[in-house]
All heavy atoms as atom14 arrays in JSON, in Angstrom:
{
  "sequence": "CCSLKVHPIIHRFTPNGRGAQNIDKIFTEKVYLENNVRKA",
  "atom14_mask": [
    [1, 1, 1, 1, 1, 1, 0, 0, 0, 0, 0, 0, 0, 0],
    [1, 1, 1, 1, 1, 1, 0, 0, 0, 0, 0, 0, 0, 0],
    [1, 1, 1, 1, 1, 1, 0, 0, 0, 0, 0, 0, 0, 0],
    [1, 1, 1, 1, 1, 1, 1, 1, 0, 0, 0, 0, 0, 0],
    [1, 1, 1, 1, 1, 1, 1, 1, 1, 0, 0, 0, 0, 0],
    [1, 1, 1, 1, 1, 1, 1, 0, 0, 0, 0, 0, 0, 0],
    [1, 1, 1, 1, 1, 1, 1, 1, 1, 1, 0, 0, 0, 0],
    [1, 1, 1, 1, 1, 1, 1, 0, 0, 0, 0, 0, 0, 0],
    [1, 1, 1, 1, 1, 1, 1, 1, 0, 0, 0, 0, 0, 0],
    [1, 1, 1, 1, 1, 1, 1, 1, 0, 0, 0, 0, 0, 0],
    [1, 1, 1, 1, 1, 1, 1, 1, 1, 1, 0, 0, 0, 0],
    [1, 1, 1, 1, 1, 1, 1, 1, 1, 1, 1, 0, 0, 0],
    [1, 1, 1, 1, 1, 1, 1, 1, 1, 1, 1, 0, 0, 0],
    [1, 1, 1, 1, 1, 1, 1, 0, 0, 0, 0, 0, 0, 0],
    [1, 1, 1, 1, 1, 1, 1, 0, 0, 0, 0, 0, 0, 0],
    [1, 1, 1, 1, 1, 1, 1, 1, 0, 0, 0, 0, 0, 0],
    [1, 1, 1, 1, 0, 0, 0, 0, 0, 0, 0, 0, 0, 0],
    [1, 1, 1, 1, 1, 1, 1, 1, 1, 1, 1, 0, 0, 0],
    [1, 1, 1, 1, 0, 0, 0, 0, 0, 0, 0, 0, 0, 0],
    [1, 1, 1, 1, 1, 0, 0, 0, 0, 0, 0, 0, 0, 0],
    [1, 1, 1, 1, 1, 1, 1, 1, 1, 0, 0, 0, 0, 0],
    [1, 1, 1, 1, 1, 1, 1, 1, 0, 0, 0, 0, 0, 0],
    [1, 1, 1, 1, 1, 1, 1, 1, 0, 0, 0, 0, 0, 0],
    [1, 1, 1, 1, 1, 1, 1, 1, 0, 0, 0, 0, 0, 0],
    [1, 1, 1, 1, 1, 1, 1, 1, 1, 0, 0, 0, 0, 0],
    [1, 1, 1, 1, 1, 1, 1, 1, 0, 0, 0, 0, 0, 0],
    [1, 1, 1, 1, 1, 1, 1, 1, 1, 1, 1, 0, 0, 0],
    [1, 1, 1, 1, 1, 1, 1, 0, 0, 0, 0, 0, 0, 0],
    [1, 1, 1, 1, 1, 1, 1, 1, 1, 0, 0, 0, 0, 0],
    [1, 1, 1, 1, 1, 1, 1, 1, 1, 0, 0, 0, 0, 0],
    [1, 1, 1, 1, 1, 1, 1, 0, 0, 0, 0, 0, 0, 0],
    [1, 1, 1, 1, 1, 1, 1, 1, 1, 1, 1, 1, 0, 0],
    [1, 1, 1, 1, 1, 1, 1, 1, 0, 0, 0, 0, 0, 0],
    [1, 1, 1, 1, 1, 1, 1, 1, 1, 0, 0, 0, 0, 0],
    [1, 1, 1, 1, 1, 1, 1, 1, 0, 0, 0, 0, 0, 0],
    [1, 1, 1, 1, 1, 1, 1, 1, 0, 0, 0, 0, 0, 0],
    [1, 1, 1, 1, 1, 1, 1, 0, 0, 0, 0, 0, 0, 0],
    [1, 1, 1, 1, 1, 1, 1, 1, 1, 1, 1, 0, 0, 0],
    [1, 1, 1, 1, 1, 1, 1, 1, 1, 0, 0, 0, 0, 0],
    [1, 1, 1, 1, 1, 0, 0, 0, 0, 0, 0, 0, 0, 0]
  ],
  "atom14_positions": [
    [[-40.77, -65.08, -18.67], [-41.37, -63.93, -19.44], [-40.48, -62.76, -19.55], [-40.45, -62.02, -20.66], [-42.77, -63.65, -18.94], [-43.88, -65.06, -19.12], [0.0, 0.0, 0.0], [0.0, 0.0, 0.0], [0.0, 0.0, 0.0], [0.0, 0.0, 0.0], [0.0, 0.0, 0.0], [0.0, 0.0, 0.0], [0.0, 0.0, 0.0], [0.0, 0.0, 0.0]],
    [[-39.89, -62.4, -18.54], [-39.0, -61.14, -18.48], [-37.92, -61.38, -19.4], [-37.51, -60.5, -20.2], [-38.47, -60.91, -17.1], [-37.52, -59.45, -16.9], [0.0, 0.0, 0.0], [0.0, 0.0, 0.0], [0.0, 0.0, 0.0], [0.0, 0.0, 0.0], [0.0, 0.0, 0.0], [0.0, 0.0, 0.0], [0.0, 0.0, 0.0], [0.0, 0.0, 0.0]],
    [[-37.31, -62.58, -19.43], [-36.18, -62.89, -20.26], [-36.53, -62.93, -21.72], [-35.72, -62.59, -22.58], [-35.51, -64.27, -19.89], [-36.33, -65.28, -20.19], [0.0, 0.0, 0.0], [0.0, 0.0, 0.0], [0.0, 0.0, 0.0], [0.0, 0.0, 0.0], [0.0, 0.0, 0.0], [0.0, 0.0, 0.0], [0.0, 0.0, 0.0], [0.0, 0.0, 0.0]],
    [[-37.85, -63.35, -22.0], [-38.29, -63.43, -23.4], [-38.96, -62.04, -23.86], [-39.34, -61.98, -24.94], [-39.39, -64.52, -23.48], [-38.84, -65.99, -23.34], [-39.99, -66.87, -23.26], [-37.91, -66.36, -24.42], [0.0, 0.0, 0.0], [0.0, 0.0, 0.0], [0.0, 0.0, 0.0], [0.0, 0.0, 0.0], [0.0, 0.0, 0.0], [0.0, 0.0, 0.0]],
    [[-39.05, -61.2, -22.93], [-39.69, -59.88, -23.28], [-41.13, -59.94, -23.67], [-41.56, -59.4, -24.62], [-38.9, -59.08, -24.14], [-37.49, -58.75, -23.74], [-36.68, -57.98, -24.75], [-35.25, -57.75, -24.24], [-34.39, -56.96, -25.26], [0.0, 0.0, 0.0], [0.0, 0.0, 0.0], [0.0, 0.0, 0.0], [0.0, 0.0, 0.0], [0.0, 0.0, 0.0]],
    [[-41.94, -60.73, -22.89], [-43.37, -61.01, -23.19], [-44.13, -60.68, -21.92], [-43.59, -60.73, -20.77], [-43.65, -62.34, -23.69], [-42.96, -62.53, -25.0], [-43.19, -63.42, -22.63], [0.0, 0.0, 0.0], [0.0, 0.0, 0.0], [0.0, 0.0, 0.0], [0.0, 0.0, 0.0], [0.0, 0.0, 0.0], [0.0, 0.0, 0.0], [0.0, 0.0, 0.0]],
    [[-45.38, -60.46, -22.01], [-46.23, -60.21, -20.89], [-46.79, -61.5, -20.24], [-47.32, -62.35, -20.93], [-47.48, -59.35, -21.41], [-48.47, -59.14, -20.34], [-48.22, -58.29, -19.27], [-49.74, -59.58, -20.08], [-49.25, -58.3, -18.4], [-50.15, -58.98, -18.89], [0.0, 0.0, 0.0], [0.0, 0.0, 0.0], [0.0, 0.0, 0.0], [0.0, 0.0, 0.0]],
    [[-46.6, -61.79, -19.04], [-46.96, -62.93, -18.31], [-48.52, -62.96, -17.95], [-48.87, -61.95, -17.43], [-46.04, -62.97, -17.08], [-45.73, -61.62, -16.74], [-45.75, -60.78, -18.12], [0.0, 0.0, 0.0], [0.0, 0.0, 0.0], [0.0, 0.0, 0.0], [0.0, 0.0, 0.0], [0.0, 0.0, 0.0], [0.0, 0.0, 0.0], [0.0, 0.0, 0.0]],
    [[-49.17, -64.05, -18.14], [-50.51, -64.28, -17.67], [-50.59, -65.58, -16.95], [-50.12, -66.63, -17.59], [-51.45, -64.24, -18.83], [-51.4, -62.88, -19.61], [-52.88, -64.45, -18.37], [-52.28, -62.87, -20.94], [0.0, 0.0, 0.0], [0.0, 0.0, 0.0], [0.0, 0.0, 0.0], [0.0, 0.0, 0.0], [0.0, 0.0, 0.0], [0.0, 0.0, 0.0]],
    [[-51.1, -65.69, -15.8], [-51.24, -66.96, -15.02], [-52.72, -67.22, -14.94], [-53.46, -66.49, -14.3], [-50.54, -66.87, -13.64], [-49.04, -66.61, -13.86], [-50.79, -68.14, -12.95], [-48.28, -66.41, -12.59], [0.0, 0.0, 0.0], [0.0, 0.0, 0.0], [0.0, 0.0, 0.0], [0.0, 0.0, 0.0], [0.0, 0.0, 0.0], [0.0, 0.0, 0.0]],
    [[-53.07, -68.32, -15.49], [-54.56, -68.82, -15.4], [-54.8, -69.77, -14.24], [-53.96, -70.61, -14.02], [-54.94, -69.45, -16.76], [-54.96, -68.63, -17.91], [-55.69, -67.53, -18.11], [-54.23, -68.76, -19.07], [-55.63, -66.93, -19.23], [-54.69, -67.64, -19.88], [0.0, 0.0, 0.0], [0.0, 0.0, 0.0], [0.0, 0.0, 0.0], [0.0, 0.0, 0.0]],
    [[-55.89, -69.63, -13.73], [-56.39, -70.57, -12.69], [-56.95, -71.73, -13.46], [-57.58, -71.63, -14.52], [-57.52, -70.01, -11.85], [-57.02, -68.88, -10.94], [-58.09, -68.49, -10.05], [-59.29, -68.07, -10.53], [-60.32, -67.61, -9.85], [-60.21, -67.6, -8.51], [-61.48, -67.16, -10.42], [0.0, 0.0, 0.0], [0.0, 0.0, 0.0], [0.0, 0.0, 0.0]],
    [[-56.72, -72.91, -12.86], [-57.37, -74.19, -13.41], [-58.88, -74.2, -13.39], [-59.52, -73.87, -12.31], [-56.74, -75.39, -12.77], [-57.43, -76.65, -13.09], [-57.35, -77.23, -14.41], [-58.23, -77.36, -12.12], [-57.95, -78.38, -14.76], [-58.83, -78.58, -12.5], [-58.74, -79.06, -13.79], [0.0, 0.0, 0.0], [0.0, 0.0, 0.0], [0.0, 0.0, 0.0]],
    [[-59.53, -74.44, -14.56], [-61.07, -74.57, -14.52], [-61.27, -76.08, -14.92], [-61.0, -76.5, -15.99], [-61.6, -73.66, -15.6], [-61.17, -72.39, -15.28], [-63.12, -73.74, -15.52], [0.0, 0.0, 0.0], [0.0, 0.0, 0.0], [0.0, 0.0, 0.0], [0.0, 0.0, 0.0], [0.0, 0.0, 0.0], [0.0, 0.0, 0.0], [0.0, 0.0, 0.0]],
    [[-62.09, -76.82, -14.12], [-62.23, -78.27, -14.32], [-63.4, -78.43, -15.33], [-64.48, -79.01, -14.97], [-62.58, -78.86, -12.96], [-63.19, -77.66, -12.22], [-62.4, -76.47, -12.69], [0.0, 0.0, 0.0], [0.0, 0.0, 0.0], [0.0, 0.0, 0.0], [0.0, 0.0, 0.0], [0.0, 0.0, 0.0], [0.0, 0.0, 0.0], [0.0, 0.0, 0.0]],
    [[-63.2, -78.04, -16.57], [-64.21, -78.28, -17.65], [-63.45, -79.06, -18.74], [-62.28, -79.05, -18.92], [-64.66, -76.93, -18.32], [-65.44, -76.18, -17.28], [-66.15, -76.67, -16.49], [-65.43, -74.81, -17.42], [0.0, 0.0, 0.0], [0.0, 0.0, 0.0], [0.0, 0.0, 0.0], [0.0, 0.0, 0.0], [0.0, 0.0, 0.0], [0.0, 0.0, 0.0]],
    [[-64.28, -79.6, -19.7], [-63.66, -80.42, -20.73], [-62.84, -81.46, -20.31], [-63.1, -82.26, -19.28], [0.0, 0.0, 0.0], [0.0, 0.0, 0.0], [0.0, 0.0, 0.0], [0.0, 0.0, 0.0], [0.0, 0.0, 0.0], [0.0, 0.0, 0.0], [0.0, 0.0, 0.0], [0.0, 0.0, 0.0], [0.0, 0.0, 0.0], [0.0, 0.0, 0.0]],
    [[-61.58, -81.67, -20.98], [-60.55, -82.59, -20.56], [-60.04, -82.33, -19.09], [-59.49, -83.17, -18.47], [-59.39, -82.73, -21.47], [-59.79, -83.69, -22.78], [-58.54, -84.17, -23.41], [-57.81, -83.07, -23.99], [-57.97, -82.65, -25.27], [-58.95, -83.06, -25.94], [-57.3, -81.62, -25.72], [0.0, 0.0, 0.0], [0.0, 0.0, 0.0], [0.0, 0.0, 0.0]],
    [[-60.16, -81.05, -18.76], [-59.65, -80.65, -17.38], [-60.52, -81.43, -16.31], [-59.93, -81.79, -15.3], [0.0, 0.0, 0.0], [0.0, 0.0, 0.0], [0.0, 0.0, 0.0], [0.0, 0.0, 0.0], [0.0, 0.0, 0.0], [0.0, 0.0, 0.0], [0.0, 0.0, 0.0], [0.0, 0.0, 0.0], [0.0, 0.0, 0.0], [0.0, 0.0, 0.0]],
    [[-61.86, -81.51, -16.49], [-62.66, -82.29, -15.55], [-62.19, -83.77, -15.56], [-62.18, -84.37, -14.49], [-64.1, -82.15, -15.96], [0.0, 0.0, 0.0], [0.0, 0.0, 0.0], [0.0, 0.0, 0.0], [0.0, 0.0, 0.0], [0.0, 0.0, 0.0], [0.0, 0.0, 0.0], [0.0, 0.0, 0.0], [0.0, 0.0, 0.0], [0.0, 0.0, 0.0]],
    [[-61.83, -84.37, -16.68], [-61.52, -85.8, -16.83], [-60.13, -86.0, -16.09], [-59.86, -87.18, -15.63], [-61.43, -86.12, -18.22], [-62.8, -86.12, -18.92], [-62.64, -86.13, -20.51], [-61.54, -86.5, -21.07], [-63.71, -85.98, -21.22], [0.0, 0.0, 0.0], [0.0, 0.0, 0.0], [0.0, 0.0, 0.0], [0.0, 0.0, 0.0], [0.0, 0.0, 0.0]],
    [[-59.3, -85.03, -16.21], [-57.92, -85.14, -15.71], [-57.65, -84.35, -14.43], [-56.46, -84.0, -14.09], [-56.89, -84.74, -16.73], [-56.97, -85.66, -17.93], [-56.81, -86.85, -17.79], [-57.17, -85.02, -19.12], [0.0, 0.0, 0.0], [0.0, 0.0, 0.0], [0.0, 0.0, 0.0], [0.0, 0.0, 0.0], [0.0, 0.0, 0.0], [0.0, 0.0, 0.0]],
    [[-58.64, -84.06, -13.67], [-58.48, -83.19, -12.49], [-57.46, -83.75, -11.43], [-56.65, -82.88, -10.87], [-59.92, -82.97, -11.77], [-59.66, -81.85, -10.66], [-60.47, -84.23, -11.24], [-61.05, -81.32, -10.19], [0.0, 0.0, 0.0], [0.0, 0.0, 0.0], [0.0, 0.0, 0.0], [0.0, 0.0, 0.0], [0.0, 0.0, 0.0], [0.0, 0.0, 0.0]],
    [[-57.34, -84.98, -11.28], [-56.39, -85.58, -10.35], [-55.01, -85.35, -10.85], [-54.06, -85.45, -10.02], [-56.72, -87.1, -10.02], [-58.05, -87.23, -9.29], [-58.5, -86.27, -8.54], [-58.58, -88.32, -9.4], [0.0, 0.0, 0.0], [0.0, 0.0, 0.0], [0.0, 0.0, 0.0], [0.0, 0.0, 0.0], [0.0, 0.0, 0.0], [0.0, 0.0, 0.0]],
    [[-54.81, -85.34, -12.13], [-53.42, -85.23, -12.67], [-52.93, -83.75, -12.56], [-51.73, -83.48, -12.69], [-53.41, -85.64, -14.15], [-53.69, -87.11, -14.39], [-53.63, -87.45, -15.86], [-54.06, -88.86, -16.15], [-54.02, -89.13, -17.55], [0.0, 0.0, 0.0], [0.0, 0.0, 0.0], [0.0, 0.0, 0.0], [0.0, 0.0, 0.0], [0.0, 0.0, 0.0]],
    [[-53.99, -82.79, -12.6], [-53.57, -81.39, -12.78], [-53.68, -80.54, -11.47], [-52.84, -79.68, -11.13], [-54.55, -80.72, -13.79], [-54.4, -81.46, -15.1], [-54.08, -79.19, -13.95], [-55.51, -81.02, -16.12], [0.0, 0.0, 0.0], [0.0, 0.0, 0.0], [0.0, 0.0, 0.0], [0.0, 0.0, 0.0], [0.0, 0.0, 0.0], [0.0, 0.0, 0.0]],
    [[-54.67, -80.92, -10.65], [-55.08, -80.03, -9.53], [-54.56, -80.47, -8.28], [-54.67, -81.69, -7.98], [-56.61, -79.95, -9.58], [-57.13, -78.98, -8.66], [-57.22, -77.61, -8.88], [-57.67, -79.4, -7.39], [-57.72, -76.66, -7.91], [-58.21, -78.56, -6.48], [-58.31, -77.21, -6.78], [0.0, 0.0, 0.0], [0.0, 0.0, 0.0], [0.0, 0.0, 0.0]],
    [[-54.29, -79.46, -7.31], [-54.05, -79.75, -5.84], [-54.71, -78.67, -5.09], [-54.93, -77.59, -5.57], [-52.53, -79.72, -5.56], [-51.98, -78.48, -5.73], [-51.78, -80.73, -6.47], [0.0, 0.0, 0.0], [0.0, 0.0, 0.0], [0.0, 0.0, 0.0], [0.0, 0.0, 0.0], [0.0, 0.0, 0.0], [0.0, 0.0, 0.0], [0.0, 0.0, 0.0]],
    [[-55.06, -79.04, -3.85], [-55.63, -78.06, -2.94], [-54.67, -76.87, -2.8], [-55.03, -75.67, -2.6], [-55.94, -78.67, -1.61], [-57.05, -79.68, -1.75], [-57.28, -80.52, -0.44], [-56.71, -80.02, 0.6], [-57.79, -81.6, -0.47], [0.0, 0.0, 0.0], [0.0, 0.0, 0.0], [0.0, 0.0, 0.0], [0.0, 0.0, 0.0], [0.0, 0.0, 0.0]],
    [[-53.37, -77.14, -2.71], [-52.37, -76.09, -2.52], [-52.48, -75.06, -3.67], [-52.34, -73.89, -3.47], [-51.01, -76.72, -2.4], [-49.88, -75.75, -2.0], [-48.53, -76.46, -1.89], [-47.47, -75.45, -1.55], [-46.12, -76.2, -1.36], [0.0, 0.0, 0.0], [0.0, 0.0, 0.0], [0.0, 0.0, 0.0], [0.0, 0.0, 0.0], [0.0, 0.0, 0.0]],
    [[-52.53, -75.61, -4.93], [-52.62, -74.7, -6.02], [-53.87, -73.75, -5.93], [-53.72, -72.6, -6.19], [-52.67, -75.48, -7.39], [-52.93, -74.53, -8.55], [-51.39, -76.2, -7.63], [0.0, 0.0, 0.0], [0.0, 0.0, 0.0], [0.0, 0.0, 0.0], [0.0, 0.0, 0.0], [0.0, 0.0, 0.0], [0.0, 0.0, 0.0], [0.0, 0.0, 0.0]],
    [[-54.87, -74.38, -5.57], [-56.18, -73.58, -5.35], [-55.97, -72.47, -4.34], [-56.35, -71.36, -4.54], [-57.38, -74.47, -4.97], [-58.62, -73.83, -4.79], [-59.55, -73.69, -5.97], [-59.03, -73.24, -3.62], [-60.67, -72.9, -5.76], [-60.2, -72.5, -3.46], [-61.07, -72.46, -4.54], [-62.24, -71.73, -4.44], [0.0, 0.0, 0.0], [0.0, 0.0, 0.0]],
    [[-55.39, -72.77, -3.26], [-55.22, -71.85, -2.16], [-54.38, -70.75, -2.64], [-54.58, -69.56, -2.43], [-54.63, -72.48, -0.96], [-54.32, -71.7, 0.23], [-55.65, -71.2, 0.82], [-53.58, -72.51, 1.4], [0.0, 0.0, 0.0], [0.0, 0.0, 0.0], [0.0, 0.0, 0.0], [0.0, 0.0, 0.0], [0.0, 0.0, 0.0], [0.0, 0.0, 0.0]],
    [[-53.28, -71.07, -3.33], [-52.24, -70.12, -3.75], [-52.89, -69.06, -4.66], [-52.56, -67.95, -4.69], [-51.01, -70.82, -4.36], [-50.04, -71.47, -3.4], [-48.91, -72.08, -4.05], [-48.96, -72.09, -5.25], [-47.96, -72.51, -3.32], [0.0, 0.0, 0.0], [0.0, 0.0, 0.0], [0.0, 0.0, 0.0], [0.0, 0.0, 0.0], [0.0, 0.0, 0.0]],
    [[-53.79, -69.57, -5.6], [-54.25, -68.7, -6.63], [-55.58, -68.1, -6.36], [-56.03, -67.23, -7.11], [-54.43, -69.54, -7.94], [-52.95, -69.85, -8.47], [-52.41, -69.06, -9.22], [-52.48, -71.07, -8.17], [0.0, 0.0, 0.0], [0.0, 0.0, 0.0], [0.0, 0.0, 0.0], [0.0, 0.0, 0.0], [0.0, 0.0, 0.0], [0.0, 0.0, 0.0]],
    [[-56.25, -68.48, -5.34], [-57.6, -67.98, -4.99], [-57.59, -67.14, -3.75], [-58.6, -66.41, -3.56], [-58.65, -69.06, -4.91], [-58.94, -69.64, -6.31], [-59.8, -69.23, -6.97], [-58.22, -70.66, -6.71], [0.0, 0.0, 0.0], [0.0, 0.0, 0.0], [0.0, 0.0, 0.0], [0.0, 0.0, 0.0], [0.0, 0.0, 0.0], [0.0, 0.0, 0.0]],
    [[-56.68, -67.35, -2.8], [-56.61, -66.57, -1.58], [-55.43, -65.78, -1.34], [-55.1, -65.53, -0.12], [-56.82, -67.61, -0.46], [-57.97, -67.2, 0.42], [-57.11, -69.07, -0.9], [0.0, 0.0, 0.0], [0.0, 0.0, 0.0], [0.0, 0.0, 0.0], [0.0, 0.0, 0.0], [0.0, 0.0, 0.0], [0.0, 0.0, 0.0], [0.0, 0.0, 0.0]],
    [[-54.72, -65.44, -2.36], [-53.44, -64.76, -2.14], [-53.72, -63.31, -1.72], [-53.09, -62.76, -0.85], [-52.71, -64.7, -3.45], [-51.3, -64.18, -3.35], [-50.55, -64.38, -4.69], [-50.31, -65.8, -4.86], [-49.77, -66.24, -6.05], [-49.47, -65.43, -7.04], [-49.54, -67.49, -6.1], [0.0, 0.0, 0.0], [0.0, 0.0, 0.0], [0.0, 0.0, 0.0]],
    [[-54.8, -62.71, -2.21], [-55.15, -61.34, -1.92], [-56.71, -61.27, -1.77], [-57.36, -62.03, -2.43], [-54.63, -60.31, -2.91], [-53.15, -60.01, -2.8], [-52.73, -58.92, -3.74], [-51.14, -58.73, -3.68], [-50.78, -57.61, -4.51], [0.0, 0.0, 0.0], [0.0, 0.0, 0.0], [0.0, 0.0, 0.0], [0.0, 0.0, 0.0], [0.0, 0.0, 0.0]],
    [[-57.16, -60.34, -1.03], [-58.62, -60.09, -0.94], [-58.97, -59.03, -1.94], [-58.48, -57.89, -1.95], [-59.06, -59.61, 0.46], [0.0, 0.0, 0.0], [0.0, 0.0, 0.0], [0.0, 0.0, 0.0], [0.0, 0.0, 0.0], [0.0, 0.0, 0.0], [0.0, 0.0, 0.0], [0.0, 0.0, 0.0], [0.0, 0.0, 0.0], [0.0, 0.0, 0.0]]
  ]
}
């Protein structure tokens, strides 16, 4: 994003729609931990 001069946004995975159908392809416990417990 810095190289492209754009503002970065990082979304958490939400298991709705096709996300719920493909949760095993997309989601890991490690990703959840990194994105939900990084800061209080």
